Amino acid sequence: MTTADTLAAAAAATEAAPRERGATVWLTGLPSAGKTTLAFALAEKLRAEGHKVEVLDGDEIREFLSKGLGFTEEDRHTNVTRIGFVAEKLARNGVKVLAPVIAPYARSRAAVRARHAEQGAEFIEVHVATPVELCSERDVKGLYAKQAAGEISGLTGVDDPYEAPESPELRLQTQGRSVTESAAELHAFLSERGLA
């Protein structure tokens, strides 16, 4: 067999192989709602099942892709649409993308959804619906305490708006539930849609 024959056979095998169905699962919610913890728990389960998974953590993106952006409405919109652009590219190439990102404005999430639709990539919005009182108790990054002490302002859901999704594909009520239970509900939802 010649090199050309080998390459042709490899290309044919690649084309014949079933392509994994990608999708973006966008987890929106208040700071300390549990979005990132939930995303990593779900990612572990999906990887164990053999899926290609990428977590686009909002904090990491701000550090490496959106460094220099502030927290004005326009900067937040730019950050969200950048994450959406990367998510869509990955989703179109067979990756299950989990994006735990506050994304406080409905127009920003709508722009990400529209880009996915234009490019033929699946987009699933999940509202991690944790009440602000519980988020404040968890206060994973100390943001609520800093806001209460007057050290910061513009905290989403406290003194800056959070526009909760009106009709997400899934609304996860996390109060009184473990991460394992919430991740199981989301996994079951994805299974119903043929994504897990």
Protein backbone atom coordinates (compact mmCIF):
# COMPACT_ATOMS: atom_id res chain seq x y z
CA MET A 1 0.00 0.00 0.00
CA THR A 2 1.39 3.39 -0.94
CA THR A 3 1.47 6.43 1.33
CA ALA A 4 -1.30 7.98 -0.76
CA ASP A 5 -3.43 4.85 -0.27
CA THR A 6 -2.78 4.91 3.49
CA LEU A 7 -3.78 8.60 3.71
CA ALA A 8 -6.90 7.98 1.63
CA ALA A 9 -7.89 5.04 3.83
CA ALA A 10 -7.35 7.11 6.99
CA ALA A 11 -9.44 9.96 5.56
CA ALA A 12 -12.23 7.54 4.62
CA ALA A 13 -12.19 5.99 8.10
CA THR A 14 -12.38 9.44 9.69
CA GLU A 15 -15.35 10.40 7.50
CA ALA A 16 -17.10 7.11 8.29
CA ALA A 17 -16.57 7.45 12.05
CA PRO A 18 -19.62 8.79 13.89
CA ARG A 19 -19.06 12.39 14.85
CA GLU A 20 -19.86 13.30 18.43
CA ARG A 21 -22.67 15.81 18.78
CA GLY A 22 -21.43 18.98 20.41
CA ALA A 23 -23.44 21.58 22.28
CA THR A 24 -22.99 24.57 24.53
CA VAL A 25 -24.55 24.28 27.96
CA TRP A 26 -24.60 27.83 29.32
CA LEU A 27 -24.97 27.93 33.11
CA THR A 28 -26.13 31.40 34.14
CA GLY A 29 -26.86 32.58 37.66
CA LEU A 30 -25.77 34.89 40.44
CA PRO A 31 -22.23 34.97 41.89
CA SER A 32 -21.77 31.95 44.21
CA ALA A 33 -24.86 30.22 42.77
CA GLY A 34 -22.80 27.05 42.22
CA LYS A 35 -22.39 27.30 38.43
CA THR A 36 -18.70 26.39 38.25
CA THR A 37 -18.91 23.62 40.85
CA LEU A 38 -21.84 22.13 38.95
CA ALA A 39 -20.03 22.44 35.60
CA PHE A 40 -16.94 20.59 36.85
CA ALA A 41 -19.05 17.84 38.47
CA LEU A 42 -20.97 17.34 35.22
CA ALA A 43 -17.78 17.48 33.13
CA GLU A 44 -16.26 14.67 35.20
CA LYS A 45 -19.33 12.48 34.62
CA LEU A 46 -19.45 13.22 30.89
CA ARG A 47 -15.72 12.54 30.44
CA ALA A 48 -16.10 9.24 32.28
CA GLU A 49 -18.71 8.33 29.64
CA GLY A 50 -16.23 9.14 26.87
CA HIS A 51 -17.48 12.57 25.79
CA LYS A 52 -15.21 15.41 24.72
CA VAL A 53 -15.87 18.17 27.24
CA GLU A 54 -14.49 21.65 27.83
CA VAL A 55 -15.36 23.96 30.72
CA LEU A 56 -15.13 27.66 29.85
CA ASP A 57 -14.98 29.11 33.35
CA GLY A 58 -15.93 32.79 33.44
CA ASP A 59 -13.10 33.69 35.84
CA GLU A 60 -10.44 31.99 33.70
CA ILE A 61 -11.77 33.66 30.55
CA ARG A 62 -11.58 37.07 32.24
CA GLU A 63 -7.95 36.37 33.13
CA PHE A 64 -6.78 34.99 29.79
CA LEU A 65 -9.17 36.13 27.04
CA SER A 66 -10.86 39.25 28.39
CA LYS A 67 -8.09 40.73 30.50
CA GLY A 68 -8.47 44.49 30.66
CA LEU A 69 -12.25 44.49 30.42
CA GLY A 70 -14.06 46.11 33.31
CA PHE A 71 -17.54 45.52 34.64
CA THR A 72 -19.54 48.11 32.76
CA GLU A 73 -22.57 46.79 30.91
CA GLU A 74 -20.72 47.03 27.60
CA ASP A 75 -17.59 45.28 28.93
CA ARG A 76 -19.71 42.50 30.41
CA HIS A 77 -21.50 42.14 27.07
CA THR A 78 -18.16 41.93 25.23
CA ASN A 79 -16.88 39.30 27.67
CA VAL A 80 -20.01 37.16 27.28
CA THR A 81 -20.00 37.33 23.48
CA ARG A 82 -16.30 36.37 23.41
CA ILE A 83 -17.03 33.32 25.52
CA GLY A 84 -19.99 32.54 23.29
CA PHE A 85 -17.80 32.74 20.18
CA VAL A 86 -15.29 30.23 21.59
CA ALA A 87 -18.09 27.96 22.85
CA GLU A 88 -19.80 27.90 19.46
CA LYS A 89 -16.56 26.97 17.66
CA LEU A 90 -15.97 24.08 20.05
CA ALA A 91 -19.61 22.92 20.00
CA ARG A 92 -19.63 22.83 16.20
CA ASN A 93 -16.65 20.50 16.38
CA GLY A 94 -18.23 17.88 18.61
CA VAL A 95 -17.31 19.21 22.04
CA LYS A 96 -19.74 19.44 24.95
CA VAL A 97 -19.02 22.96 26.21
CA LEU A 98 -20.01 23.84 29.75
CA ALA A 99 -19.95 27.62 30.28
CA PRO A 100 -20.52 28.64 33.91
CA VAL A 101 -20.78 32.39 33.32
CA ILE A 102 -22.95 34.91 35.17
CA ALA A 103 -23.94 36.67 31.92
CA PRO A 104 -26.27 39.08 33.73
CA TYR A 105 -27.92 40.65 30.69
CA ALA A 106 -30.58 38.96 28.57
CA ARG A 107 -29.33 40.69 25.38
CA SER A 108 -25.86 39.17 25.81
CA ARG A 109 -27.22 35.66 26.24
CA ALA A 110 -29.56 36.24 23.28
CA ALA A 111 -26.57 37.28 21.14
CA VAL A 112 -24.74 34.06 22.06
CA ARG A 113 -27.85 31.98 21.32
CA ALA A 114 -28.28 33.75 17.95
CA ARG A 115 -24.64 33.09 16.97
CA HIS A 116 -25.08 29.39 17.76
CA ALA A 117 -28.26 29.26 15.69
CA GLU A 118 -26.59 31.01 12.74
CA GLN A 119 -23.70 28.54 12.82
CA GLY A 120 -25.83 25.43 13.38
CA ALA A 121 -24.56 24.75 16.91
CA GLU A 122 -26.81 23.65 19.75
CA PHE A 123 -27.23 26.07 22.67
CA ILE A 124 -28.84 25.13 25.97
CA GLU A 125 -29.44 27.79 28.59
CA VAL A 126 -29.52 26.54 32.18
CA HIS A 127 -30.52 28.94 34.92
CA VAL A 128 -28.82 27.94 38.16
CA ALA A 129 -31.57 29.48 40.26
CA THR A 130 -29.99 29.96 43.66
CA PRO A 131 -31.57 32.71 45.80
CA VAL A 132 -29.33 35.72 46.51
CA GLU A 133 -29.59 35.06 50.26
CA LEU A 134 -28.02 31.61 49.84
CA CYS A 135 -25.39 32.95 47.42
CA SER A 136 -24.52 35.59 50.03
CA GLU A 137 -24.14 32.88 52.69
CA ARG A 138 -21.86 30.83 50.45
CA ASP A 139 -19.92 33.93 49.30
CA VAL A 140 -17.22 31.76 47.73
CA LYS A 141 -15.05 34.73 46.65
CA GLY A 142 -15.97 37.12 49.45
CA LEU A 143 -17.75 39.45 47.01
CA TYR A 144 -20.93 39.86 49.02
CA ALA A 145 -18.94 40.73 52.16
CA LYS A 146 -16.87 43.27 50.22
CA GLN A 147 -20.00 44.82 48.76
CA ALA A 148 -21.64 45.02 52.20
CA ALA A 149 -18.48 46.69 53.56
CA GLY A 150 -18.53 49.24 50.74
CA GLU A 151 -15.25 47.95 49.28
CA ILE A 152 -16.78 47.13 45.88
CA SER A 153 -19.86 48.15 43.96
CA GLY A 154 -21.61 46.76 40.91
CA LEU A 155 -22.15 43.29 42.37
CA THR A 156 -24.51 41.38 40.11
CA GLY A 157 -27.85 40.75 41.76
CA VAL A 158 -27.18 43.19 44.61
CA ASP A 159 -26.40 46.67 43.28
CA ASP A 160 -26.11 45.75 39.61
CA PRO A 161 -28.87 44.02 37.64
CA TYR A 162 -29.21 40.32 36.96
CA GLU A 163 -31.84 39.58 34.34
CA ALA A 164 -32.89 36.02 35.05
CA PRO A 165 -33.78 33.99 31.94
CA GLU A 166 -37.51 34.02 31.25
CA SER A 167 -37.62 30.66 29.50
CA PRO A 168 -34.36 28.72 29.80
CA GLU A 169 -34.21 25.15 28.57
CA LEU A 170 -33.74 24.15 32.22
CA ARG A 171 -34.13 25.99 35.52
CA LEU A 172 -32.18 24.22 38.27
CA GLN A 173 -33.39 24.94 41.80
CA THR A 174 -30.28 24.27 43.88
CA GLN A 175 -31.44 25.30 47.34
CA GLY A 176 -31.47 22.33 49.71
CA ARG A 177 -29.83 20.06 47.13
CA SER A 178 -26.32 18.68 46.88
CA VAL A 179 -24.03 19.29 43.91
CA THR A 180 -24.38 15.59 43.07
CA GLU A 181 -28.18 15.88 42.93
CA SER A 182 -28.10 19.01 40.78
CA ALA A 183 -25.49 17.51 38.44
CA ALA A 184 -27.61 14.36 38.14
CA GLU A 185 -30.67 16.41 37.15
CA LEU A 186 -28.68 18.26 34.49
CA HIS A 187 -27.14 15.00 33.23
CA ALA A 188 -30.60 13.43 32.97
CA PHE A 189 -31.82 16.46 31.04
CA LEU A 190 -28.90 16.17 28.60
CA SER A 191 -29.55 12.42 28.26
CA GLU A 192 -33.16 13.12 27.26
CA ARG A 193 -31.81 15.34 24.48
CA GLY A 194 -29.33 12.70 23.30
CA LEU A 195 -26.28 14.60 24.55
CA ALA A 196 -25.21 12.28 27.37
